[in-house]
Protein backbone atom coordinates (compact mmCIF):
# COMPACT_ATOMS: atom_id res chain seq x y z
CA MET A 1 -158.99 -123.79 -20.82
CA ILE A 2 -162.12 -121.41 -21.31
CA GLU A 3 -163.35 -119.10 -24.03
CA ILE A 4 -165.83 -116.80 -24.12
CA LEU A 5 -167.56 -116.93 -26.90
CA ALA A 6 -169.86 -113.87 -25.51
CA ALA A 7 -169.09 -111.53 -22.82
CA GLY A 8 -172.57 -110.14 -21.38
CA PRO A 9 -172.83 -106.04 -20.78
CA TYR A 10 -169.57 -106.57 -18.64
CA THR A 11 -167.78 -109.71 -17.41
CA THR A 12 -164.35 -109.51 -15.40
CA VAL A 13 -162.27 -111.77 -13.51
CA GLN A 14 -162.28 -111.09 -9.61
CA ASP A 15 -160.72 -112.59 -6.51
CA LEU A 16 -160.88 -110.38 -2.90
CA GLY A 17 -158.62 -108.33 -4.26
CA ARG A 18 -155.67 -106.17 -3.67
CA PRO A 19 -155.83 -104.11 -0.06
CA GLY A 20 -152.46 -102.85 1.81
CA TYR A 21 -151.74 -100.20 -1.38
CA ALA A 22 -154.22 -96.99 -0.78
CA HIS A 23 -151.35 -95.41 0.23
CA LEU A 24 -150.32 -95.50 -2.98
CA GLY A 25 -153.58 -94.62 -4.27
CA VAL A 26 -154.27 -98.36 -5.44
CA PRO A 27 -158.26 -99.10 -4.57
CA ARG A 28 -159.08 -102.64 -3.06
CA SER A 29 -161.08 -103.99 -6.08
CA GLY A 30 -161.96 -107.56 -5.94
CA ALA A 31 -165.31 -109.36 -6.24
CA ALA A 32 -168.11 -106.64 -5.53
CA ASP A 33 -170.56 -109.67 -3.61
CA GLN A 34 -167.22 -111.09 -1.81
CA ALA A 35 -169.42 -113.31 -0.28
CA SER A 36 -170.75 -114.94 -3.02
CA LEU A 37 -167.29 -115.61 -4.91
CA ARG A 38 -166.49 -116.83 -2.01
CA LEU A 39 -169.49 -119.22 -1.86
CA ALA A 40 -168.89 -120.23 -5.36
CA ASN A 41 -165.27 -120.85 -4.54
CA ARG A 42 -166.13 -123.56 -1.68
CA LEU A 43 -168.57 -125.17 -3.94
CA VAL A 44 -165.96 -126.95 -5.92
CA GLY A 45 -163.42 -126.76 -2.94
CA ASN A 46 -161.33 -123.69 -4.05
CA PRO A 47 -159.84 -121.47 -1.27
CA GLU A 48 -162.06 -118.70 -0.86
CA GLY A 49 -159.60 -116.27 -2.77
CA ALA A 50 -159.32 -117.99 -5.84
CA ALA A 51 -160.37 -116.02 -9.09
CA GLY A 52 -163.33 -116.37 -10.52
CA LEU A 53 -165.68 -114.31 -12.58
CA GLU A 54 -168.22 -112.11 -11.83
CA LEU A 55 -170.78 -111.41 -14.19
CA THR A 56 -172.76 -108.21 -14.44
CA PHE A 57 -176.54 -108.54 -15.91
CA GLY A 58 -175.44 -112.21 -17.31
CA GLY A 59 -175.64 -111.93 -21.12
CA ALA A 60 -172.31 -114.51 -21.49
CA VAL A 61 -171.61 -117.68 -23.12
CA LEU A 62 -168.29 -120.02 -22.19
CA ARG A 63 -166.63 -123.03 -23.68
CA PHE A 64 -164.39 -125.36 -21.80
CA HIS A 65 -161.79 -126.70 -23.94
CA ALA A 66 -161.41 -129.18 -20.92
CA GLY A 67 -163.72 -131.13 -18.58
CA ALA A 68 -163.90 -128.85 -14.90
CA TRP A 69 -166.22 -128.66 -11.97
CA VAL A 70 -167.56 -125.50 -12.01
CA ALA A 71 -170.36 -123.56 -9.24
CA VAL A 72 -172.50 -120.57 -10.14
CA THR A 73 -173.42 -118.37 -7.39
CA GLY A 74 -175.15 -114.67 -6.31
CA ALA A 75 -177.74 -112.99 -8.84
CA PRO A 76 -179.73 -116.23 -10.24
CA CYS A 77 -179.18 -116.74 -14.14
CA PRO A 78 -181.13 -119.17 -16.18
CA ILE A 79 -177.98 -121.38 -17.45
CA ARG A 80 -178.47 -123.58 -20.76
CA SER A 81 -176.52 -126.15 -21.39
CA ARG A 82 -176.30 -129.73 -22.04
CA CYS A 83 -174.39 -130.91 -18.87
CA ALA A 84 -176.59 -132.65 -16.05
CA GLY A 85 -176.59 -130.37 -12.98
CA ALA A 86 -176.16 -126.76 -14.85
CA GLY A 87 -177.82 -124.57 -11.71
CA MET A 88 -177.55 -121.99 -8.97
CA ASN A 89 -175.61 -123.01 -6.14
CA ALA A 90 -174.42 -126.39 -6.56
CA PRO A 91 -171.17 -127.68 -8.24
CA PHE A 92 -171.37 -129.65 -11.67
CA TRP A 93 -169.70 -131.05 -14.07
CA ALA A 94 -168.95 -129.19 -17.09
CA GLY A 95 -167.37 -131.76 -19.82
CA ALA A 96 -164.83 -130.96 -22.77
CA GLY A 97 -166.48 -128.62 -25.13
CA THR A 98 -169.48 -128.11 -22.89
CA GLU A 99 -170.92 -124.52 -23.01
CA LEU A 100 -172.73 -122.68 -20.68
CA ARG A 101 -175.21 -119.96 -21.60
CA PHE A 102 -176.11 -117.66 -19.06
CA GLY A 103 -179.16 -115.98 -19.24
CA THR A 104 -180.92 -112.45 -17.17
CA PRO A 105 -181.02 -113.06 -13.35
CA ALA A 106 -184.39 -112.45 -12.28
CA GLY A 107 -183.20 -110.15 -9.12
CA GLY A 108 -180.33 -108.52 -8.51
CA LEU A 109 -177.34 -107.90 -10.85
CA ARG A 110 -173.54 -109.55 -10.47
CA THR A 111 -173.45 -113.31 -10.39
CA TYR A 112 -170.28 -115.62 -9.94
CA LEU A 113 -168.51 -118.37 -11.68
CA ALA A 114 -166.15 -120.86 -9.71
CA VAL A 115 -163.88 -123.21 -11.72
CA ARG A 116 -161.89 -125.91 -9.43
CA GLY A 117 -158.19 -124.71 -9.66
CA GLY A 118 -159.02 -120.86 -10.37
CA ILE A 119 -159.13 -118.84 -13.32
CA ALA A 120 -155.20 -118.36 -13.75
CA VAL A 121 -154.74 -114.63 -15.26
CA GLU A 122 -151.28 -113.22 -14.29
CA PRO A 123 -151.55 -111.53 -11.20
CA VAL A 124 -150.97 -107.70 -10.16
CA LEU A 125 -149.64 -106.57 -7.19
CA GLY A 126 -151.08 -109.37 -5.76
CA SER A 127 -154.61 -110.03 -6.90
CA ARG A 128 -155.42 -111.53 -10.41
CA SER A 129 -158.86 -108.76 -10.24
CA THR A 130 -159.84 -106.26 -12.61
CA ASP A 131 -159.86 -103.16 -11.56
CA SER A 132 -162.35 -100.57 -13.16
CA LEU A 133 -161.08 -97.29 -11.47
CA SER A 134 -157.53 -97.83 -11.50
CA GLY A 135 -157.11 -100.29 -14.86
CA LEU A 136 -155.07 -102.55 -13.31
CA GLY A 137 -155.54 -106.64 -13.89
CA PRO A 138 -156.52 -107.67 -17.11
CA PRO A 139 -158.99 -105.68 -19.21
CA PRO A 140 -163.12 -106.64 -19.03
CA LEU A 141 -163.56 -110.06 -21.49
CA ARG A 142 -164.08 -109.78 -24.95
CA PRO A 143 -165.51 -112.35 -27.88
CA GLY A 144 -162.29 -114.69 -27.96
CA THR A 145 -160.04 -113.80 -24.95
CA THR A 146 -158.83 -117.17 -23.56
CA LEU A 147 -158.57 -118.13 -19.88
CA GLU A 148 -156.25 -120.78 -17.98
CA VAL A 149 -157.25 -122.70 -15.34
CA GLY A 150 -155.48 -123.95 -12.31
CA PRO A 151 -154.69 -127.63 -11.13
CA ALA A 152 -157.08 -129.02 -9.13
CA ALA A 153 -154.08 -131.25 -7.77
CA GLY A 154 -154.64 -130.84 -4.02
CA LEU A 155 -157.46 -129.68 -3.70
CA GLU A 156 -160.07 -131.15 -1.37
CA PRO A 157 -163.38 -132.93 -3.64
CA PRO A 158 -166.13 -130.40 -3.58
CA PRO A 159 -167.71 -130.71 -0.69
CA VAL A 160 -171.13 -130.28 -0.73
CA ASP A 161 -174.09 -130.74 -3.55
CA LEU A 162 -176.25 -127.84 -2.81
CA ALA A 163 -175.86 -124.53 -1.26
CA PRO A 164 -178.99 -123.58 0.66
CA VAL A 165 -178.95 -119.74 -0.02
CA GLY A 166 -182.47 -117.91 1.04
CA ILE A 167 -184.45 -115.25 -1.28
CA PRO A 168 -183.38 -111.45 0.22
CA GLY A 169 -186.78 -109.29 0.76
CA GLU A 170 -186.53 -105.53 1.08
CA PRO A 171 -182.91 -104.47 0.08
CA VAL A 172 -181.97 -102.95 3.51
CA LEU A 173 -178.36 -100.93 4.54
CA ARG A 174 -178.18 -101.35 7.65
CA PHE A 175 -174.76 -98.14 8.42
CA LEU A 176 -173.40 -96.73 11.22
CA PRO A 177 -172.89 -92.40 11.68
CA GLY A 178 -169.62 -90.93 10.64
CA PRO A 179 -167.67 -89.82 10.54
CA ARG A 180 -168.45 -86.67 9.22
CA ASP A 181 -172.40 -86.77 10.28
CA ASP A 182 -171.25 -83.48 12.08
CA TRP A 183 -171.55 -81.79 8.81
CA PHE A 184 -174.85 -82.69 8.27
CA SER A 185 -178.26 -81.76 10.07
CA PRO A 186 -178.83 -82.83 12.61
CA ASP A 187 -182.28 -84.75 11.30
CA ALA A 188 -180.29 -85.97 8.28
CA PRO A 189 -179.30 -89.58 8.88
CA HIS A 190 -182.88 -90.50 10.52
CA GLY A 191 -184.17 -88.81 7.32
CA LEU A 192 -181.48 -91.26 5.59
CA CYS A 193 -183.63 -93.53 6.75
CA ALA A 194 -187.30 -92.12 6.34
CA GLU A 195 -188.20 -93.46 2.71
CA PRO A 196 -186.27 -95.75 0.33
CA TYR A 197 -183.87 -94.38 -1.80
CA GLU A 198 -183.59 -95.39 -6.02
CA VAL A 199 -181.03 -96.97 -8.13
CA SER A 200 -179.49 -94.63 -10.46
CA GLN A 201 -178.32 -95.76 -14.06
CA ASP A 202 -175.21 -94.69 -13.66
CA SER A 203 -174.13 -96.87 -10.80
CA ASN A 204 -171.06 -99.40 -11.28
CA ARG A 205 -168.89 -101.04 -9.46
CA VAL A 206 -167.34 -97.72 -8.08
CA GLY A 207 -170.44 -96.91 -6.56
CA VAL A 208 -174.35 -97.41 -6.21
CA ARG A 209 -175.85 -93.63 -7.03
CA LEU A 210 -179.16 -93.26 -5.56
CA ARG A 211 -182.13 -90.54 -6.03
CA GLY A 212 -184.28 -89.94 -3.61
CA ARG A 213 -184.67 -87.77 -0.09
CA GLU A 214 -182.05 -84.75 -0.06
CA LEU A 215 -179.68 -85.07 2.54
CA LYS A 216 -179.04 -81.09 4.14
CA ARG A 217 -175.46 -79.62 4.61
CA ALA A 218 -175.33 -77.89 8.12
CA ARG A 219 -172.00 -76.12 7.10
CA GLU A 220 -170.56 -74.19 3.76
CA GLY A 221 -166.97 -75.47 1.66
CA GLU A 222 -166.03 -79.70 1.12
CA LEU A 223 -163.23 -81.31 3.27
CA PRO A 224 -159.86 -81.71 2.16
CA SER A 225 -159.79 -85.13 0.78
CA GLU A 226 -158.99 -88.36 3.05
CA GLY A 227 -159.04 -91.83 3.40
CA MET A 228 -162.49 -93.49 1.90
CA VAL A 229 -164.15 -97.38 2.87
CA THR A 230 -165.49 -99.61 1.31
CA GLY A 231 -169.68 -99.64 2.24
CA ALA A 232 -169.18 -95.04 2.62
CA ILE A 233 -171.78 -92.93 1.97
CA GLN A 234 -170.85 -90.00 0.54
CA VAL A 235 -172.65 -87.52 0.12
CA PRO A 236 -171.80 -84.48 -2.48
CA PRO A 237 -173.15 -81.43 -3.01
CA SER A 238 -177.08 -82.34 -4.91
CA GLY A 239 -177.71 -84.25 -1.38
CA GLN A 240 -178.33 -87.27 -3.31
CA PRO A 241 -176.11 -90.22 -0.95
CA ILE A 242 -173.94 -92.71 -3.20
CA VAL A 243 -172.39 -96.37 -1.36
CA PHE A 244 -168.92 -96.53 -1.72
CA LEU A 245 -168.22 -99.87 -3.54
CA ALA A 246 -165.47 -102.84 -4.92
CA ASP A 247 -163.44 -100.30 -6.93
CA HIS A 248 -164.19 -96.87 -4.87
CA PRO A 249 -161.15 -94.35 -5.05
CA PRO A 250 -158.90 -94.57 -1.56
CA THR A 251 -159.68 -91.19 -0.89
CA GLY A 252 -162.06 -88.41 -1.50
CA GLY A 253 -163.67 -85.22 -0.45
CA TYR A 254 -167.16 -85.30 -0.06
CA PRO A 255 -167.83 -86.16 3.20
CA VAL A 256 -169.49 -89.26 4.44
CA ILE A 257 -172.21 -89.66 6.77
CA GLY A 258 -172.30 -92.84 7.46
CA VAL A 259 -170.60 -96.06 6.78
CA VAL A 260 -172.53 -99.53 5.32
CA LEU A 261 -171.81 -103.07 8.02
CA ALA A 262 -169.59 -104.65 6.25
CA ALA A 263 -172.43 -107.44 6.74
CA ASP A 264 -174.37 -105.60 4.52
CA LEU A 265 -171.71 -105.08 1.13
CA ALA A 266 -173.16 -107.38 -0.86
CA VAL A 267 -176.84 -106.51 -0.76
CA ALA A 268 -175.23 -103.42 -2.23
CA ALA A 269 -173.24 -105.25 -4.78
CA GLN A 270 -176.73 -106.71 -6.09
CA LEU A 271 -178.25 -103.92 -6.42
CA ARG A 272 -179.74 -103.16 -9.71
CA PRO A 273 -180.33 -99.58 -11.90
CA GLY A 274 -184.52 -98.62 -10.39
CA ASP A 275 -184.35 -100.95 -7.61
CA ARG A 276 -185.24 -99.92 -4.32
CA VAL A 277 -183.23 -100.40 -0.99
CA ARG A 278 -184.28 -98.98 2.43
CA PHE A 279 -181.55 -97.63 4.63
CA ALA A 280 -181.20 -98.20 8.79
CA LEU A 281 -178.94 -96.58 11.65
CA VAL A 282 -177.45 -98.26 13.99
CA ARG A 283 -174.95 -97.04 16.80
CA PRO A 284 -171.64 -98.54 17.72
CA GLY A 285 -171.24 -102.22 19.01
CA HIS A 286 -174.21 -103.63 16.82
CA ARG A 287 -173.13 -107.40 16.11
């Protein structure tokens, strides 16, 4: 069992989500930064899709009632603990009674904790993820919550001592134009790339709201609702773009000027209020 002594600003259980239900109005959800969750799971020998914890802006305090292998990835947090080797991007042993205290990340927003065996909350529609939009899955964690850990029998031992993770430079989101770029002035896609945007404090797991250069429409009116994907850059009448993240709605009515490349979604997920981010236009066929 893992006991939540403090949950920080917003801590949830996340796996890789519940795909295949958009036609029923159910978002995919799952880890906002899937690359970091996958890495944490690999470090403790779990399947990449095992459920772990997503800490938003750190601040959590966890107590382990039994010993377990643990890995922490994503936004780099200071970790206070009496167990040896507790740190980022490497597996370490948290003995029975161990407390892990997470500080505020120096950069980025979301930190991931995987425990060997995975977090064994009850799945909903095949996923253990908390969905902040639909309310599916376990509620956000609170002090006093206890979480079961799944069985580790049959899992491979932790494969490496340390995963080298580079320090990111200036955040850049590459995007493909369309499908509704024709709803904007001809220079709008290049205008999106002309200068940095600032991340608004209104951002969350649904989307990153941005402030900066206004993207002007070439058409009046609104679209009928249509399907949305993670990474869609939706532009409401204000002209200020929103990049959809894991808990985005399955449909939307504002035109989408472009879609962020899947490889850059982890960058978008780690943007925090006040960060500046640039866009870079790429063309179909880009690898």
